[in-house]
């Protein structure tokens, strides 16, 4: 199990960021409405234990300080 289990990259231009990561990863990112705005999910393999998303939020800044990491504290 990995120490990191989820991450959010906050973006100011959702469609631009989504298009960039879809081109870099050569795969579509599933977009949906999240609690604070739209999110786009990165490919996720449950066996690796790490997932993440792009997150559009009026409350969070993008760039420096615009990343949130969730740690696994089980055990």
PDB file of N, CA and C in Angstrom:
ATOM      1  N   UNK A   1       0.838  -1.175   0.000  1.00  0.00           N
ATOM      2  CA  UNK A   1       0.000   0.000   0.000  1.00  0.00           C
ATOM      3  C   UNK A   1       0.887   1.243   0.000  1.00  0.00           C
ATOM      4  N   UNK A   2       0.519   2.236  -0.768  1.00  0.00           N
ATOM      5  CA  UNK A   2       1.268   3.488  -0.855  1.00  0.00           C
ATOM      6  C   UNK A   2       0.857   4.456   0.243  1.00  0.00           C
ATOM      7  N   UNK A   3       1.777   5.307   0.656  1.00  0.00           N
ATOM      8  CA  UNK A   3       1.466   6.336   1.650  1.00  0.00           C
ATOM      9  C   UNK A   3       0.487   7.355   1.063  1.00  0.00           C
ATOM     10  N   UNK A   4       0.656   7.691  -0.210  1.00  0.00           N
ATOM     11  CA  UNK A   4      -0.272   8.609  -0.882  1.00  0.00           C
ATOM     12  C   UNK A   4      -1.391   7.772  -1.491  1.00  0.00           C
ATOM     13  N   UNK A   5      -2.649   8.169  -1.238  1.00  0.00           N
ATOM     14  CA  UNK A   5      -3.729   7.414  -1.872  1.00  0.00           C
ATOM     15  C   UNK A   5      -4.611   8.281  -2.777  1.00  0.00           C
ATOM     16  N   UNK A   6      -4.482   9.625  -2.718  1.00  0.00           N
ATOM     17  CA  UNK A   6      -5.272  10.495  -3.596  1.00  0.00           C
ATOM     18  C   UNK A   6      -4.593  11.849  -3.681  1.00  0.00           C
ATOM     19  N   UNK A   7      -4.708  12.502  -4.827  1.00  0.00           N
ATOM     20  CA  UNK A   7      -4.191  13.862  -4.977  1.00  0.00           C
ATOM     21  C   UNK A   7      -5.162  14.675  -5.819  1.00  0.00           C
ATOM     22  N   UNK A   8      -5.174  15.967  -5.583  1.00  0.00           N
ATOM     23  CA  UNK A   8      -5.970  16.901  -6.370  1.00  0.00           C
ATOM     24  C   UNK A   8      -5.046  17.987  -6.895  1.00  0.00           C
ATOM     25  N   UNK A   9      -5.108  18.240  -8.183  1.00  0.00           N
ATOM     26  CA  UNK A   9      -4.394  19.351  -8.800  1.00  0.00           C
ATOM     27  C   UNK A   9      -5.434  20.418  -9.126  1.00  0.00           C
ATOM     28  N   UNK A  10      -5.380  21.545  -8.432  1.00  0.00           N
ATOM     29  CA  UNK A  10      -6.340  22.612  -8.666  1.00  0.00           C
ATOM     30  C   UNK A  10      -5.927  23.398  -9.901  1.00  0.00           C
ATOM     31  N   UNK A  11      -6.892  23.679 -10.756  1.00  0.00           N
ATOM     32  CA  UNK A  11      -6.616  24.345 -12.029  1.00  0.00           C
ATOM     33  C   UNK A  11      -7.534  25.552 -12.199  1.00  0.00           C
ATOM     34  N   UNK A  12      -7.019  26.592 -12.858  1.00  0.00           N
ATOM     35  CA  UNK A  12      -7.826  27.781 -13.117  1.00  0.00           C
ATOM     36  C   UNK A  12      -8.557  27.686 -14.453  1.00  0.00           C
ATOM     37  N   UNK A  13      -8.006  26.937 -15.407  1.00  0.00           N
ATOM     38  CA  UNK A  13      -8.645  26.738 -16.706  1.00  0.00           C
ATOM     39  C   UNK A  13      -8.856  25.238 -16.880  1.00  0.00           C
ATOM     40  N   UNK A  14     -10.022  24.779 -16.485  1.00  0.00           N
ATOM     41  CA  UNK A  14     -10.321  23.347 -16.424  1.00  0.00           C
ATOM     42  C   UNK A  14     -10.147  22.654 -17.775  1.00  0.00           C
ATOM     43  N   UNK A  15     -10.763  23.180 -18.815  1.00  0.00           N
ATOM     44  CA  UNK A  15     -10.723  22.520 -20.126  1.00  0.00           C
ATOM     45  C   UNK A  15      -9.305  22.491 -20.697  1.00  0.00           C
ATOM     46  N   UNK A  16      -8.555  23.552 -20.499  1.00  0.00           N
ATOM     47  CA  UNK A  16      -7.168  23.584 -20.985  1.00  0.00           C
ATOM     48  C   UNK A  16      -6.326  22.534 -20.266  1.00  0.00           C
ATOM     49  N   UNK A  17      -6.443  22.466 -18.945  1.00  0.00           N
ATOM     50  CA  UNK A  17      -5.680  21.489 -18.163  1.00  0.00           C
ATOM     51  C   UNK A  17      -6.096  20.066 -18.520  1.00  0.00           C
ATOM     52  N   UNK A  18      -7.387  19.845 -18.654  1.00  0.00           N
ATOM     53  CA  UNK A  18      -7.871  18.509 -19.014  1.00  0.00           C
ATOM     54  C   UNK A  18      -7.320  18.087 -20.368  1.00  0.00           C
ATOM     55  N   UNK A  19      -7.384  18.979 -21.355  1.00  0.00           N
ATOM     56  CA  UNK A  19      -6.853  18.675 -22.681  1.00  0.00           C
ATOM     57  C   UNK A  19      -5.361  18.371 -22.640  1.00  0.00           C
ATOM     58  N   UNK A  20      -4.601  19.148 -21.848  1.00  0.00           N
ATOM     59  CA  UNK A  20      -3.171  18.921 -21.720  1.00  0.00           C
ATOM     60  C   UNK A  20      -2.883  17.523 -21.188  1.00  0.00           C
ATOM     61  N   UNK A  21      -3.506  17.144 -20.080  1.00  0.00           N
ATOM     62  CA  UNK A  21      -3.228  15.842 -19.480  1.00  0.00           C
ATOM     63  C   UNK A  21      -3.762  14.696 -20.334  1.00  0.00           C
ATOM     64  N   UNK A  22      -4.846  14.905 -21.054  1.00  0.00           N
ATOM     65  CA  UNK A  22      -5.324  13.861 -21.964  1.00  0.00           C
ATOM     66  C   UNK A  22      -4.324  13.618 -23.087  1.00  0.00           C
ATOM     67  N   UNK A  23      -3.709  14.680 -23.593  1.00  0.00           N
ATOM     68  CA  UNK A  23      -2.687  14.516 -24.645  1.00  0.00           C
ATOM     69  C   UNK A  23      -1.430  13.860 -24.082  1.00  0.00           C
ATOM     70  N   UNK A  24      -0.968  14.311 -22.920  1.00  0.00           N
ATOM     71  CA  UNK A  24       0.251  13.764 -22.318  1.00  0.00           C
ATOM     72  C   UNK A  24       0.081  12.287 -21.975  1.00  0.00           C
ATOM     73  N   UNK A  25      -1.066  11.925 -21.406  1.00  0.00           N
ATOM     74  CA  UNK A  25      -1.309  10.541 -20.984  1.00  0.00           C
ATOM     75  C   UNK A  25      -1.907   9.676 -22.097  1.00  0.00           C
ATOM     76  N   UNK A  26      -2.286  10.303 -23.208  1.00  0.00           N
ATOM     77  CA  UNK A  26      -2.903   9.608 -24.345  1.00  0.00           C
ATOM     78  C   UNK A  26      -4.123   8.796 -23.905  1.00  0.00           C
ATOM     79  N   UNK A  27      -4.938   9.403 -23.048  1.00  0.00           N
ATOM     80  CA  UNK A  27      -6.156   8.752 -22.579  1.00  0.00           C
ATOM     81  C   UNK A  27      -7.151   9.818 -22.125  1.00  0.00           C
ATOM     82  N   UNK A  28      -8.445   9.591 -22.309  1.00  0.00           N
ATOM     83  CA  UNK A  28      -9.422  10.582 -21.844  1.00  0.00           C
ATOM     84  C   UNK A  28      -9.536  10.579 -20.319  1.00  0.00           C
ATOM     85  N   UNK A  29      -9.807  11.749 -19.749  1.00  0.00           N
ATOM     86  CA  UNK A  29     -10.056  11.878 -18.322  1.00  0.00           C
ATOM     87  C   UNK A  29     -11.560  12.052 -18.125  1.00  0.00           C
ATOM     88  N   UNK A  30     -12.146  11.223 -17.292  1.00  0.00           N
ATOM     89  CA  UNK A  30     -13.583  11.295 -17.037  1.00  0.00           C
ATOM     90  C   UNK A  30     -13.890  12.543 -16.217  1.00  0.00           C
ATOM     91  N   UNK A  31     -14.768  13.406 -16.739  1.00  0.00           N
ATOM     92  CA  UNK A  31     -15.141  14.637 -16.038  1.00  0.00           C
ATOM     93  C   UNK A  31     -16.493  14.457 -15.367  1.00  0.00           C
ATOM     94  N   UNK A  32     -16.623  15.073 -14.187  1.00  0.00           N
ATOM     95  CA  UNK A  32     -17.894  15.041 -13.463  1.00  0.00           C
ATOM     96  C   UNK A  32     -17.957  16.241 -12.535  1.00  0.00           C
ATOM     97  N   UNK A  33     -19.140  16.515 -12.022  1.00  0.00           N
ATOM     98  CA  UNK A  33     -19.287  17.590 -11.050  1.00  0.00           C
ATOM     99  C   UNK A  33     -18.878  17.070  -9.688  1.00  0.00           C
ATOM    100  N   UNK A  34     -17.990  17.831  -9.025  1.00  0.00           N
ATOM    101  CA  UNK A  34     -17.548  17.494  -7.681  1.00  0.00           C
ATOM    102  C   UNK A  34     -18.256  18.376  -6.674  1.00  0.00           C
ATOM    103  N   UNK A  35     -17.808  18.332  -5.440  1.00  0.00           N
ATOM    104  CA  UNK A  35     -18.452  19.111  -4.387  1.00  0.00           C
ATOM    105  C   UNK A  35     -18.206  20.614  -4.553  1.00  0.00           C
ATOM    106  N   UNK A  36     -17.020  20.993  -5.049  1.00  0.00           N
ATOM    107  CA  UNK A  36     -16.704  22.407  -5.187  1.00  0.00           C
ATOM    108  C   UNK A  36     -16.659  22.889  -6.622  1.00  0.00           C
ATOM    109  N   UNK A  37     -16.867  22.009  -7.579  1.00  0.00           N
ATOM    110  CA  UNK A  37     -16.777  22.347  -8.998  1.00  0.00           C
ATOM    111  C   UNK A  37     -16.498  21.091  -9.805  1.00  0.00           C
ATOM    112  N   UNK A  38     -16.095  21.268 -11.047  1.00  0.00           N
ATOM    113  CA  UNK A  38     -15.828  20.108 -11.901  1.00  0.00           C
ATOM    114  C   UNK A  38     -14.519  19.435 -11.520  1.00  0.00           C
ATOM    115  N   UNK A  39     -14.478  18.121 -11.725  1.00  0.00           N
ATOM    116  CA  UNK A  39     -13.254  17.342 -11.548  1.00  0.00           C
ATOM    117  C   UNK A  39     -13.068  16.457 -12.772  1.00  0.00           C
ATOM    118  N   UNK A  40     -11.826  16.121 -13.069  1.00  0.00           N
ATOM    119  CA  UNK A  40     -11.486  15.178 -14.136  1.00  0.00           C
ATOM    120  C   UNK A  40     -10.579  14.130 -13.515  1.00  0.00           C
ATOM    121  N   UNK A  41     -10.997  12.882 -13.584  1.00  0.00           N
ATOM    122  CA  UNK A  41     -10.300  11.794 -12.910  1.00  0.00           C
ATOM    123  C   UNK A  41      -9.165  11.247 -13.762  1.00  0.00           C
ATOM    124  N   UNK A  42      -7.989  11.132 -13.146  1.00  0.00           N
ATOM    125  CA  UNK A  42      -6.866  10.470 -13.797  1.00  0.00           C
ATOM    126  C   UNK A  42      -7.113   8.970 -13.816  1.00  0.00           C
ATOM    127  N   UNK A  43      -6.516   8.247 -14.786  1.00  0.00           N
ATOM    128  CA  UNK A  43      -6.648   6.791 -14.795  1.00  0.00           C
ATOM    129  C   UNK A  43      -6.226   6.229 -13.435  1.00  0.00           C
ATOM    130  N   UNK A  44      -6.948   5.249 -12.975  1.00  0.00           N
ATOM    131  CA  UNK A  44      -6.734   4.724 -11.623  1.00  0.00           C
ATOM    132  C   UNK A  44      -6.772   3.202 -11.643  1.00  0.00           C
ATOM    133  N   UNK A  45      -5.763   2.590 -11.075  1.00  0.00           N
ATOM    134  CA  UNK A  45      -5.739   1.138 -10.912  1.00  0.00           C
ATOM    135  C   UNK A  45      -5.846   0.861  -9.419  1.00  0.00           C
ATOM    136  N   UNK A  46      -6.922   0.249  -9.001  1.00  0.00           N
ATOM    137  CA  UNK A  46      -7.174   0.054  -7.581  1.00  0.00           C
ATOM    138  C   UNK A  46      -6.055  -0.702  -6.876  1.00  0.00           C
ATOM    139  N   UNK A  47      -5.403  -1.610  -7.571  1.00  0.00           N
ATOM    140  CA  UNK A  47      -4.333  -2.388  -6.934  1.00  0.00           C
ATOM    141  C   UNK A  47      -3.116  -1.529  -6.570  1.00  0.00           C
ATOM    142  N   UNK A  48      -2.921  -0.397  -7.265  1.00  0.00           N
ATOM    143  CA  UNK A  48      -1.791   0.467  -6.919  1.00  0.00           C
ATOM    144  C   UNK A  48      -2.080   1.334  -5.707  1.00  0.00           C
ATOM    145  N   UNK A  49      -3.340   1.602  -5.456  1.00  0.00           N
ATOM    146  CA  UNK A  49      -3.724   2.384  -4.294  1.00  0.00           C
ATOM    147  C   UNK A  49      -3.540   3.884  -4.430  1.00  0.00           C
ATOM    148  N   UNK A  50      -3.250   4.400  -5.635  1.00  0.00           N
ATOM    149  CA  UNK A  50      -3.059   5.834  -5.821  1.00  0.00           C
ATOM    150  C   UNK A  50      -3.974   6.326  -6.935  1.00  0.00           C
ATOM    151  N   UNK A  51      -4.718   7.390  -6.672  1.00  0.00           N
ATOM    152  CA  UNK A  51      -5.575   8.000  -7.672  1.00  0.00           C
ATOM    153  C   UNK A  51      -5.527   9.498  -7.523  1.00  0.00           C
ATOM    154  N   UNK A  52      -6.133  10.202  -8.475  1.00  0.00           N
ATOM    155  CA  UNK A  52      -6.129  11.649  -8.380  1.00  0.00           C
ATOM    156  C   UNK A  52      -7.012  12.294  -9.420  1.00  0.00           C
ATOM    157  N   UNK A  53      -7.091  13.620  -9.334  1.00  0.00           N
ATOM    158  CA  UNK A  53      -7.948  14.347 -10.253  1.00  0.00           C
ATOM    159  C   UNK A  53      -7.475  15.779 -10.443  1.00  0.00           C
ATOM    160  N   UNK A  54      -7.940  16.376 -11.534  1.00  0.00           N
ATOM    161  CA  UNK A  54      -7.875  17.817 -11.716  1.00  0.00           C
ATOM    162  C   UNK A  54      -9.115  18.360 -11.035  1.00  0.00           C
ATOM    163  N   UNK A  55      -9.010  19.499 -10.396  1.00  0.00           N
ATOM    164  CA  UNK A  55     -10.147  20.041  -9.670  1.00  0.00           C
ATOM    165  C   UNK A  55     -10.295  21.523  -9.954  1.00  0.00           C
ATOM    166  N   UNK A  56     -11.502  21.903 -10.389  1.00  0.00           N
ATOM    167  CA  UNK A  56     -11.820  23.305 -10.608  1.00  0.00           C
ATOM    168  C   UNK A  56     -12.494  23.817  -9.340  1.00  0.00           C
ATOM    169  N   UNK A  57     -11.920  24.835  -8.734  1.00  0.00           N
ATOM    170  CA  UNK A  57     -12.474  25.341  -7.481  1.00  0.00           C
ATOM    171  C   UNK A  57     -12.262  26.843  -7.383  1.00  0.00           C
ATOM    172  N   UNK A  58     -13.308  27.554  -7.038  1.00  0.00           N
ATOM    173  CA  UNK A  58     -13.185  28.997  -6.845  1.00  0.00           C
ATOM    174  C   UNK A  58     -12.466  29.305  -5.540  1.00  0.00           C
ATOM    175  N   UNK A  59     -12.405  28.336  -4.632  1.00  0.00           N
ATOM    176  CA  UNK A  59     -11.814  28.551  -3.316  1.00  0.00           C
ATOM    177  C   UNK A  59     -10.324  28.215  -3.250  1.00  0.00           C
ATOM    178  N   UNK A  60      -9.800  27.478  -4.218  1.00  0.00           N
ATOM    179  CA  UNK A  60      -8.391  27.067  -4.215  1.00  0.00           C
ATOM    180  C   UNK A  60      -7.662  27.706  -5.384  1.00  0.00           C
ATOM    181  N   UNK A  61      -6.396  28.016  -5.200  1.00  0.00           N
ATOM    182  CA  UNK A  61      -5.581  28.568  -6.274  1.00  0.00           C
ATOM    183  C   UNK A  61      -4.891  27.445  -7.045  1.00  0.00           C
ATOM    184  N   UNK A  62      -4.554  27.729  -8.289  1.00  0.00           N
ATOM    185  CA  UNK A  62      -3.768  26.781  -9.071  1.00  0.00           C
ATOM    186  C   UNK A  62      -2.300  27.163  -8.943  1.00  0.00           C
ATOM    187  N   UNK A  63      -1.414  26.313  -9.448  1.00  0.00           N
ATOM    188  CA  UNK A  63       0.017  26.612  -9.395  1.00  0.00           C
ATOM    189  C   UNK A  63       0.608  26.317  -8.026  1.00  0.00           C
ATOM    190  N   UNK A  64       1.510  27.164  -7.571  1.00  0.00           N
ATOM    191  CA  UNK A  64       2.174  26.959  -6.282  1.00  0.00           C
ATOM    192  C   UNK A  64       1.116  26.944  -5.177  1.00  0.00           C
ATOM    193  N   UNK A  65       1.120  25.894  -4.388  1.00  0.00           N
ATOM    194  CA  UNK A  65       0.127  25.738  -3.329  1.00  0.00           C
ATOM    195  C   UNK A  65      -1.195  25.181  -3.817  1.00  0.00           C
ATOM    196  N   UNK A  66      -1.284  24.838  -5.086  1.00  0.00           N
ATOM    197  CA  UNK A  66      -2.534  24.370  -5.668  1.00  0.00           C
ATOM    198  C   UNK A  66      -2.641  22.867  -5.782  1.00  0.00           C
ATOM    199  N   UNK A  67      -1.973  22.158  -4.903  1.00  0.00           N
ATOM    200  CA  UNK A  67      -2.029  20.694  -4.898  1.00  0.00           C
ATOM    201  C   UNK A  67      -2.401  20.225  -3.498  1.00  0.00           C
ATOM    202  N   UNK A  68      -3.319  19.285  -3.433  1.00  0.00           N
ATOM    203  CA  UNK A  68      -3.697  18.695  -2.152  1.00  0.00           C
ATOM    204  C   UNK A  68      -3.405  17.197  -2.235  1.00  0.00           C
ATOM    205  N   UNK A  69      -2.694  16.695  -1.248  1.00  0.00           N
ATOM    206  CA  UNK A  69      -2.326  15.272  -1.207  1.00  0.00           C
ATOM    207  C   UNK A  69      -2.970  14.630   0.012  1.00  0.00           C
ATOM    208  N   UNK A  70      -3.587  13.477  -0.193  1.00  0.00           N
ATOM    209  CA  UNK A  70      -4.225  12.730   0.884  1.00  0.00           C
ATOM    210  C   UNK A  70      -3.367  11.509   1.182  1.00  0.00           C
ATOM    211  N   UNK A  71      -3.038  11.335   2.438  1.00  0.00           N
ATOM    212  CA  UNK A  71      -2.182  10.227   2.864  1.00  0.00           C
ATOM    213  C   UNK A  71      -2.996   9.097   3.467  1.00  0.00           C
ATOM    214  N   UNK A  72      -2.535   7.889   3.252  1.00  0.00           N
ATOM    215  CA  UNK A  72      -3.126   6.705   3.867  1.00  0.00           C
ATOM    216  C   UNK A  72      -2.521   6.545   5.260  1.00  0.00           C
ATOM    217  N   UNK A  73      -3.335   6.574   6.292  1.00  0.00           N
ATOM    218  CA  UNK A  73      -2.832   6.469   7.647  1.00  0.00           C
ATOM    219  C   UNK A  73      -3.298   5.178   8.326  1.00  0.00           C
ATOM    220  N   UNK A  74      -3.805   4.229   7.561  1.00  0.00           N
ATOM    221  CA  UNK A  74      -4.219   2.944   8.132  1.00  0.00           C
ATOM    222  C   UNK A  74      -2.992   2.187   8.614  1.00  0.00           C
ATOM    223  N   UNK A  75      -3.096   1.572   9.780  1.00  0.00           N
ATOM    224  CA  UNK A  75      -2.011   0.742  10.304  1.00  0.00           C
ATOM    225  C   UNK A  75      -0.910   1.568  10.862  1.00  0.00           C
TER     226      UNK A  75
END
